[in-house]
Amino acid sequence: MPSNPGTTPGLLFSLLSVAFVLLFAISLKFKNNMEVKQVTNYFYRDLIIFVYVLTLFNGLAQLTVLFKMNGGYDYNFVHNVILVNENGHVFLRSSLFTQSIYLIAASIICFYTKYFYKKEWNKYIFIGTSIFLIYGFYEWIYYLLFGTTGDFLSNRVFALDINGNPRLGSMSQRTDAFGIDTLRMKSLTGEPSAFALTVLPLWIFAIHLRKPLFHIPMLIALILSTSSTAFLGILIYFMYRVLRYHLRDRYCQILIYFSTILVILNYKRVASVLEFLLFNKIDSHSGIQRSSSMFKHLEYFSHMPFFNKLFGVGFGYVRSTDFFSTLLVNSGIFGFIFFSIFFLYPMFKLKRNYFNDGLKISLLIIYVSLMLSVPEFSYLTTWLFLGISYNQLAREKKSTILHNLKLAKFQSSKVM
């Protein structure tokens, strides 16, 4: 529903899944299944802990404002930060609740996936990915043929601006980086960088499940987005792949051969494209705006009272063009540390194998993209892959325990 922010199907189903898990657990079919009961309890336990920590941080931040524990500091939001919602006071702004609900809905996806993910899900993940890509290529081809956007689904309205006009949640952007006037790929997301954040982990997931019919179109779509986030993610992935598998890796060899042939056949066009992507985009209005916004919020954070530096002013108050400075102002140093540990923990704990390698580098790329250029913390693919990573960790832990039990049983029987 365009006029009601947050009523996208994914977020609604995410919130409904809390009740679904409860109904699933108490159904007659699984009434005596202790394993299902245990997993259900773990799901609610993790969700309650997450909500508790979020509420604690927000509560401590708001106490500073309520009891003026800030030495008389004037927060003066209006001209110093980019607010999520321009209307409201310093204490208990409406965006504190709306943005927290988005974050909780996203965390539910993570915990649901952590405890209930199965390999059979992959089929539906790629069906969704296919629909997402088909719509993106439809938009791109439609603009190429008719010179206007053919978008008829991205109708979301985030809020009203200071003039009372609706702020649309999807922006069609064009480029001529490839010598022709084309639309930058965005599909059902708000903009090309958000598209890149969504597709990058799916692309890597498809590669590490060895599904070329999916990862090749996704790579083409990422390139057509001409997003610096997309190219940064692609670069990080191939750097990791070369370091991990060396130049003997077939995927890297194909890329090198293809790139070499492309440069030889059309080196002038390639040079102009690289100049646009690597240099012109940095000096572009978007690049300047992003860096300016980040420094603006970091400057604001540096002048905040000590207690607010620890816990922020409240989650969902400000929104920079990066999640790093956004998180520091909103949730403080402790909030940033908590989010980073929660997000990056699987990277260091997962065992080394081809499937896990894909999960690890996906988390790294999502984290870097969020912190540098895309503050879209509630995009559900982000939390889907975080949940799959924790699910894989749980499987490995269970496998290790079973292995140790079998080993202990074997050794005891051998002694006897």
Protein backbone atom coordinates (compact mmCIF):
# COMPACT_ATOMS: atom_id res chain seq x y z
CA MET A 1 0.00 0.00 0.00
CA PRO A 2 1.85 3.10 -1.25
CA SER A 3 0.54 5.49 1.42
CA ASN A 4 1.45 3.16 4.30
CA PRO A 5 5.22 2.81 4.75
CA GLY A 6 6.34 -0.65 5.75
CA THR A 7 3.42 -2.53 4.19
CA THR A 8 5.61 -4.37 1.70
CA PRO A 9 4.81 -8.12 1.54
CA GLY A 10 8.22 -9.22 2.79
CA LEU A 11 8.05 -7.18 5.99
CA LEU A 12 4.43 -8.19 6.66
CA PHE A 13 5.19 -11.89 6.20
CA SER A 14 8.24 -11.49 8.40
CA LEU A 15 6.15 -10.13 11.27
CA LEU A 16 3.46 -12.77 10.71
CA SER A 17 6.05 -15.54 10.94
CA VAL A 18 6.28 -14.98 14.72
CA ALA A 19 2.68 -16.20 15.07
CA PHE A 20 3.21 -18.85 12.38
CA VAL A 21 6.06 -20.47 14.33
CA LEU A 22 3.85 -20.60 17.43
CA LEU A 23 0.98 -22.21 15.55
CA PHE A 24 3.40 -24.62 13.91
CA ALA A 25 4.81 -25.65 17.29
CA ILE A 26 1.45 -26.31 18.96
CA SER A 27 -0.16 -28.07 16.02
CA LEU A 28 -1.34 -31.60 16.69
CA LYS A 29 0.99 -33.09 14.11
CA PHE A 30 4.11 -31.95 15.97
CA LYS A 31 2.70 -31.95 19.49
CA ASN A 32 5.06 -34.64 20.75
CA ASN A 33 8.10 -33.63 18.71
CA MET A 34 10.59 -32.41 21.33
CA GLU A 35 13.12 -31.26 18.73
CA VAL A 36 10.60 -28.90 17.12
CA LYS A 37 9.63 -27.55 20.54
CA GLN A 38 13.28 -26.93 21.38
CA VAL A 39 14.03 -25.17 18.10
CA THR A 40 10.90 -23.05 18.52
CA ASN A 41 12.02 -22.03 22.00
CA TYR A 42 15.44 -21.06 20.63
CA PHE A 43 13.76 -18.95 17.92
CA TYR A 44 11.77 -16.96 20.49
CA ARG A 45 14.75 -16.76 22.84
CA ASP A 46 16.97 -15.14 20.19
CA LEU A 47 14.22 -12.75 19.12
CA ILE A 48 13.54 -11.68 22.72
CA ILE A 49 17.25 -11.12 23.38
CA PHE A 50 17.58 -9.02 20.21
CA VAL A 51 14.53 -6.90 21.09
CA TYR A 52 15.79 -6.55 24.67
CA VAL A 53 19.22 -5.27 23.57
CA LEU A 54 17.64 -2.86 21.06
CA THR A 55 15.20 -1.57 23.70
CA LEU A 56 18.00 -1.25 26.27
CA PHE A 57 20.19 0.83 23.94
CA ASN A 58 17.27 3.02 22.90
CA GLY A 59 16.15 3.40 26.51
CA LEU A 60 19.58 4.48 27.71
CA ALA A 61 19.85 6.97 24.83
CA GLN A 62 16.40 8.41 25.55
CA LEU A 63 17.09 8.70 29.31
CA THR A 64 19.92 11.09 28.45
CA VAL A 65 17.42 13.30 26.65
CA LEU A 66 14.60 12.95 29.20
CA PHE A 67 16.63 13.73 32.31
CA LYS A 68 18.97 16.14 30.50
CA MET A 69 22.05 14.08 31.36
CA ASN A 70 23.92 15.86 28.57
CA GLY A 71 25.26 18.95 30.27
CA GLY A 72 22.70 21.15 28.55
CA TYR A 73 23.79 20.08 25.06
CA ASP A 74 21.52 21.36 22.27
CA TYR A 75 21.03 18.47 19.84
CA ASN A 76 19.91 20.86 17.08
CA PHE A 77 19.02 18.16 14.55
CA VAL A 78 17.47 20.31 11.85
CA HIS A 79 20.58 21.70 10.14
CA ASN A 80 23.24 19.23 11.27
CA VAL A 81 21.96 15.78 10.29
CA ILE A 82 19.61 14.11 7.81
CA LEU A 83 16.54 13.08 9.76
CA VAL A 84 14.44 10.04 8.84
CA ASN A 85 11.34 12.11 9.61
CA GLU A 86 11.51 15.90 9.73
CA ASN A 87 8.58 16.13 12.14
CA GLY A 88 8.95 15.43 15.87
CA HIS A 89 10.85 16.34 19.01
CA VAL A 90 14.17 15.09 20.32
CA PHE A 91 12.52 12.76 22.85
CA LEU A 92 10.68 9.69 21.48
CA ARG A 93 10.45 10.67 17.83
CA SER A 94 8.04 8.60 15.76
CA SER A 95 10.91 7.32 13.59
CA LEU A 96 12.40 5.64 16.67
CA PHE A 97 9.45 3.23 16.65
CA THR A 98 8.96 2.81 12.89
CA GLN A 99 12.65 2.16 12.14
CA SER A 100 12.95 -0.17 15.13
CA ILE A 101 10.00 -2.18 13.80
CA TYR A 102 11.78 -2.50 10.43
CA LEU A 103 14.91 -3.74 12.22
CA ILE A 104 12.95 -6.23 14.34
CA ALA A 105 11.14 -7.54 11.24
CA ALA A 106 14.51 -8.01 9.53
CA SER A 107 15.94 -9.81 12.57
CA ILE A 108 12.94 -12.18 12.55
CA ILE A 109 13.97 -13.29 9.05
CA CYS A 110 17.47 -13.98 10.39
CA PHE A 111 16.29 -16.07 13.35
CA TYR A 112 13.61 -17.86 11.33
CA THR A 113 16.23 -18.83 8.75
CA LYS A 114 18.75 -19.75 11.46
CA TYR A 115 16.47 -22.43 12.89
CA PHE A 116 14.29 -23.55 9.98
CA TYR A 117 16.38 -23.16 6.80
CA LYS A 118 16.72 -26.27 4.64
CA LYS A 119 18.38 -26.79 1.28
CA GLU A 120 14.90 -27.13 -0.24
CA TRP A 121 14.49 -23.38 0.32
CA ASN A 122 17.07 -22.69 -2.41
CA LYS A 123 14.51 -23.53 -5.08
CA TYR A 124 12.22 -20.74 -3.88
CA ILE A 125 15.07 -18.31 -3.30
CA PHE A 126 16.02 -18.63 -6.97
CA ILE A 127 12.40 -18.41 -8.14
CA GLY A 128 12.18 -15.09 -6.32
CA THR A 129 15.53 -14.06 -7.77
CA SER A 130 14.31 -14.89 -11.29
CA ILE A 131 11.20 -12.72 -10.91
CA PHE A 132 13.37 -9.93 -9.52
CA LEU A 133 15.80 -10.13 -12.46
CA ILE A 134 13.08 -10.48 -15.12
CA TYR A 135 11.42 -7.29 -13.89
CA GLY A 136 14.77 -5.48 -13.89
CA PHE A 137 15.59 -6.53 -17.47
CA TYR A 138 12.02 -5.65 -18.52
CA GLU A 139 12.52 -2.09 -17.19
CA TRP A 140 15.92 -1.80 -18.87
CA ILE A 141 14.66 -3.01 -22.28
CA TYR A 142 11.47 -0.93 -22.02
CA TYR A 143 13.52 2.25 -21.51
CA LEU A 144 15.85 1.28 -24.36
CA LEU A 145 12.85 0.95 -26.72
CA PHE A 146 10.59 3.78 -25.56
CA GLY A 147 12.87 6.21 -23.72
CA THR A 148 10.78 6.20 -20.54
CA THR A 149 10.42 4.00 -17.47
CA GLY A 150 8.02 1.08 -17.64
CA ASP A 151 7.96 0.60 -13.87
CA PHE A 152 4.43 -0.21 -12.72
CA LEU A 153 5.11 -2.00 -9.41
CA SER A 154 7.52 0.16 -7.38
CA ASN A 155 4.89 2.44 -5.86
CA ARG A 156 6.13 2.66 -2.30
CA VAL A 157 5.98 6.02 -0.51
CA PHE A 158 8.35 6.40 2.44
CA ALA A 159 7.06 9.62 3.98
CA LEU A 160 6.23 13.25 3.24
CA ASP A 161 8.99 15.80 2.77
CA ILE A 162 9.03 19.22 4.43
CA ASN A 163 6.77 20.56 1.65
CA GLY A 164 4.18 17.84 2.17
CA ASN A 165 5.05 16.02 -1.07
CA PRO A 166 5.40 12.20 -1.05
CA ARG A 167 8.92 10.82 -1.14
CA LEU A 168 8.80 7.90 -3.57
CA GLY A 169 10.65 4.75 -2.63
CA SER A 170 11.89 4.01 -6.15
CA MET A 171 13.90 6.27 -8.42
CA SER A 172 14.60 5.62 -12.10
CA GLN A 173 18.10 6.78 -13.01
CA ARG A 174 19.64 6.87 -16.46
CA THR A 175 23.23 6.80 -17.68
CA ASP A 176 25.18 7.03 -20.95
CA ALA A 177 28.31 5.31 -19.66
CA PHE A 178 28.18 2.67 -22.40
CA GLY A 179 27.71 5.11 -25.26
CA ILE A 180 23.91 4.87 -25.33
CA ASP A 181 21.20 6.35 -23.18
CA THR A 182 20.11 3.51 -20.87
CA LEU A 183 18.35 2.97 -17.58
CA ARG A 184 20.45 1.95 -14.61
CA MET A 185 19.23 -1.46 -13.43
CA LYS A 186 17.26 -1.24 -10.17
CA SER A 187 14.30 -3.65 -10.54
CA LEU A 188 12.00 -3.46 -7.48
CA THR A 189 14.50 -1.69 -5.22
CA GLY A 190 14.72 2.04 -4.60
CA GLU A 191 17.89 2.73 -6.58
CA PRO A 192 20.82 0.97 -8.32
CA SER A 193 23.00 0.80 -5.19
CA ALA A 194 20.17 -0.89 -3.28
CA PHE A 195 19.76 -3.27 -6.23
CA ALA A 196 23.46 -4.11 -5.96
CA LEU A 197 23.16 -4.75 -2.22
CA THR A 198 20.28 -7.15 -2.90
CA VAL A 199 21.79 -9.04 -5.84
CA LEU A 200 25.44 -9.36 -4.77
CA PRO A 201 24.87 -12.06 -2.10
CA LEU A 202 22.41 -13.88 -4.39
CA TRP A 203 24.99 -13.81 -7.19
CA ILE A 204 27.70 -15.27 -4.94
CA PHE A 205 25.22 -17.82 -3.52
CA ALA A 206 24.45 -19.00 -7.07
CA ILE A 207 28.16 -19.27 -7.91
CA HIS A 208 28.87 -21.41 -4.85
CA LEU A 209 25.89 -23.64 -5.59
CA ARG A 210 27.25 -23.95 -9.16
CA LYS A 211 24.19 -22.52 -10.92
CA PRO A 212 25.47 -20.65 -14.02
CA LEU A 213 21.95 -20.10 -15.39
CA PHE A 214 21.43 -17.76 -12.43
CA HIS A 215 24.81 -16.23 -11.63
CA ILE A 216 25.63 -15.18 -15.23
CA PRO A 217 22.42 -13.08 -15.70
CA MET A 218 22.97 -11.64 -12.21
CA LEU A 219 26.50 -10.54 -13.11
CA ILE A 220 25.18 -8.86 -16.26
CA ALA A 221 22.46 -7.14 -14.20
CA LEU A 222 25.02 -5.90 -11.67
CA ILE A 223 27.12 -4.41 -14.48
CA LEU A 224 24.04 -2.75 -16.01
CA SER A 225 23.29 -1.07 -12.68
CA THR A 226 26.57 0.90 -13.14
CA SER A 227 26.56 1.16 -9.35
CA SER A 228 29.85 1.73 -7.55
CA THR A 229 28.50 -0.62 -4.86
CA ALA A 230 28.09 -3.37 -7.47
CA PHE A 231 31.59 -2.92 -8.90
CA LEU A 232 33.13 -2.75 -5.42
CA GLY A 233 31.37 -6.00 -4.49
CA ILE A 234 32.47 -7.72 -7.72
CA LEU A 235 36.06 -6.54 -7.18
CA ILE A 236 36.14 -7.75 -3.55
CA TYR A 237 34.73 -11.11 -4.57
CA PHE A 238 37.30 -11.73 -7.33
CA MET A 239 40.16 -10.53 -5.13
CA TYR A 240 39.02 -13.01 -2.48
CA ARG A 241 38.64 -15.75 -5.07
CA VAL A 242 42.15 -15.23 -6.43
CA LEU A 243 43.62 -15.24 -2.90
CA ARG A 244 41.59 -18.27 -1.85
CA TYR A 245 41.79 -20.44 -4.99
CA HIS A 246 44.68 -18.77 -6.86
CA LEU A 247 44.82 -18.29 -10.63
CA ARG A 248 44.20 -21.99 -11.22
CA ASP A 249 40.54 -21.27 -10.46
CA ARG A 250 38.43 -21.75 -13.60
CA TYR A 251 36.08 -18.88 -12.78
CA CYS A 252 38.98 -16.44 -12.48
CA GLN A 253 40.55 -17.76 -15.68
CA ILE A 254 37.33 -17.26 -17.65
CA LEU A 255 37.05 -13.70 -16.36
CA ILE A 256 40.67 -12.91 -17.24
CA TYR A 257 40.32 -14.35 -20.78
CA PHE A 258 37.03 -12.56 -21.38
CA SER A 259 38.39 -9.25 -20.06
CA THR A 260 41.55 -9.55 -22.17
CA ILE A 261 39.60 -10.20 -25.39
CA LEU A 262 37.21 -7.33 -24.59
CA VAL A 263 40.08 -4.88 -24.02
CA ILE A 264 41.89 -5.93 -27.22
CA LEU A 265 38.78 -5.60 -29.41
CA ASN A 266 37.53 -2.32 -27.99
CA TYR A 267 40.12 -0.77 -25.71
CA LYS A 268 38.97 2.85 -26.25
CA ARG A 269 35.41 2.13 -25.16
CA VAL A 270 36.64 0.07 -22.20
CA ALA A 271 38.94 2.90 -21.13
CA SER A 272 36.08 5.43 -21.28
CA VAL A 273 33.82 3.14 -19.25
CA LEU A 274 36.51 2.56 -16.60
CA GLU A 275 37.16 6.29 -16.41
CA PHE A 276 33.46 6.89 -15.81
CA LEU A 277 33.10 4.16 -13.19
CA LEU A 278 36.33 4.68 -11.28
CA PHE A 279 36.88 8.42 -11.47
CA ASN A 280 33.87 10.34 -12.75
CA LYS A 281 31.50 8.66 -10.29
CA ILE A 282 33.71 9.72 -7.38
CA ASP A 283 33.56 13.34 -8.56
CA SER A 284 29.87 13.06 -9.46
CA HIS A 285 27.06 14.70 -7.53
CA SER A 286 26.20 11.34 -5.95
CA GLY A 287 29.78 10.66 -4.85
CA ILE A 288 30.27 14.13 -3.42
CA GLN A 289 26.92 13.96 -1.64
CA ARG A 290 27.77 10.61 -0.03
CA SER A 291 31.16 11.67 1.28
CA SER A 292 29.77 15.01 2.44
CA SER A 293 26.90 13.32 4.26
CA MET A 294 29.22 10.86 6.02
CA PHE A 295 31.58 13.59 7.26
CA LYS A 296 28.62 15.72 8.29
CA HIS A 297 27.26 12.98 10.54
CA LEU A 298 30.70 12.03 11.88
CA GLU A 299 31.23 15.69 12.76
CA TYR A 300 27.90 15.71 14.58
CA PHE A 301 28.85 12.50 16.42
CA SER A 302 32.17 14.00 17.56
CA HIS A 303 30.30 16.81 19.38
CA MET A 304 27.69 14.59 21.03
CA PRO A 305 27.80 14.17 24.84
CA PHE A 306 29.85 11.21 26.11
CA PHE A 307 26.82 9.13 27.12
CA ASN A 308 25.27 9.61 23.66
CA LYS A 309 28.53 8.62 22.02
CA LEU A 310 28.18 5.29 23.81
CA PHE A 311 24.47 4.66 23.10
CA GLY A 312 23.50 7.21 20.43
CA VAL A 313 20.38 9.37 20.39
CA GLY A 314 17.96 6.58 19.44
CA PHE A 315 17.78 4.09 16.59
CA GLY A 316 16.05 5.50 13.52
CA TYR A 317 16.63 9.19 14.23
CA VAL A 318 19.06 10.00 11.42
CA ARG A 319 19.87 8.47 8.06
CA SER A 320 23.12 9.29 6.34
CA THR A 321 24.10 7.90 2.94
CA ASP A 322 26.16 5.26 4.76
CA PHE A 323 25.26 2.96 7.63
CA PHE A 324 28.52 3.58 9.54
CA SER A 325 27.86 7.21 10.49
CA THR A 326 24.11 6.49 10.67
CA LEU A 327 24.70 3.75 13.24
CA LEU A 328 27.16 5.81 15.29
CA VAL A 329 24.73 8.72 15.69
CA ASN A 330 21.67 6.51 16.21
CA SER A 331 23.10 3.73 18.41
CA GLY A 332 26.54 4.92 19.46
CA ILE A 333 29.77 2.99 19.82
CA PHE A 334 28.13 0.08 21.67
CA GLY A 335 25.45 -0.22 19.00
CA PHE A 336 28.07 -0.29 16.25
CA ILE A 337 30.11 -2.95 18.10
CA PHE A 338 27.03 -5.10 18.80
CA PHE A 339 25.89 -4.95 15.16
CA SER A 340 29.39 -5.72 13.83
CA ILE A 341 29.89 -8.74 16.11
CA PHE A 342 26.40 -10.06 15.36
CA PHE A 343 26.98 -9.68 11.62
CA LEU A 344 30.60 -10.78 11.25
CA TYR A 345 30.77 -13.61 13.82
CA PRO A 346 29.91 -16.37 11.26
CA MET A 347 32.74 -15.15 9.00
CA PHE A 348 35.33 -16.20 11.56
CA LYS A 349 33.61 -19.32 12.88
CA LEU A 350 32.43 -21.13 9.74
CA LYS A 351 34.66 -23.94 8.51
CA ARG A 352 36.50 -23.61 5.22
CA ASN A 353 34.68 -25.24 2.32
CA TYR A 354 33.31 -24.01 -0.99
CA PHE A 355 29.75 -23.39 0.22
CA ASN A 356 30.90 -21.62 3.39
CA ASP A 357 33.36 -19.51 1.40
CA GLY A 358 30.40 -18.06 -0.48
CA LEU A 359 28.59 -17.22 2.76
CA LYS A 360 31.68 -15.60 4.28
CA ILE A 361 32.46 -13.33 1.35
CA SER A 362 28.76 -12.47 0.97
CA LEU A 363 28.65 -11.25 4.58
CA LEU A 364 31.85 -9.26 4.09
CA ILE A 365 30.56 -7.59 0.91
CA ILE A 366 27.17 -6.79 2.49
CA TYR A 367 28.89 -5.34 5.56
CA VAL A 368 31.28 -3.18 3.52
CA SER A 369 28.47 -2.01 1.21
CA LEU A 370 26.27 -1.07 4.17
CA MET A 371 28.98 0.81 6.00
CA LEU A 372 30.26 2.74 2.98
CA SER A 373 27.37 3.44 0.65
CA VAL A 374 23.98 1.79 1.25
CA PRO A 375 22.25 2.35 4.62
CA GLU A 376 19.41 -0.05 3.72
CA PHE A 377 19.59 -2.11 6.90
CA SER A 378 16.13 -3.69 6.51
CA TYR A 379 16.58 -5.27 3.06
CA LEU A 380 15.59 -8.86 3.76
CA THR A 381 18.16 -10.64 1.58
CA THR A 382 20.82 -9.26 3.93
CA TRP A 383 19.24 -11.00 6.90
CA LEU A 384 18.38 -14.11 4.90
CA PHE A 385 22.07 -14.82 4.28
CA LEU A 386 23.01 -13.92 7.83
CA GLY A 387 20.44 -16.49 8.97
CA ILE A 388 21.76 -19.13 6.54
CA SER A 389 25.26 -18.52 7.91
CA TYR A 390 24.12 -19.06 11.50
CA ASN A 391 22.14 -22.12 10.39
CA GLN A 392 25.31 -23.54 8.85
CA LEU A 393 27.20 -22.81 12.07
CA ALA A 394 24.59 -24.72 14.08
CA ARG A 395 24.82 -27.68 11.69
CA GLU A 396 28.59 -27.76 12.03
CA LYS A 397 28.38 -27.59 15.82
CA LYS A 398 25.85 -30.43 15.89
CA SER A 399 28.00 -32.48 13.52
CA THR A 400 31.07 -31.93 15.72
CA ILE A 401 29.17 -33.01 18.85
CA LEU A 402 27.89 -36.18 17.15
CA HIS A 403 31.38 -36.94 15.85
CA ASN A 404 32.89 -36.54 19.34
CA LEU A 405 30.19 -38.76 20.85
CA LYS A 406 30.84 -41.48 18.27
CA LEU A 407 34.58 -41.17 18.86
CA ALA A 408 34.15 -41.41 22.63
CA LYS A 409 31.84 -44.43 22.24
CA PHE A 410 34.35 -46.14 19.95
CA GLN A 411 37.26 -45.51 22.32
CA SER A 412 35.30 -46.77 25.34
CA SER A 413 34.28 -49.94 23.51
CA LYS A 414 37.88 -50.45 22.43
CA VAL A 415 39.08 -50.21 26.03
CA MET A 416 36.46 -52.71 27.17
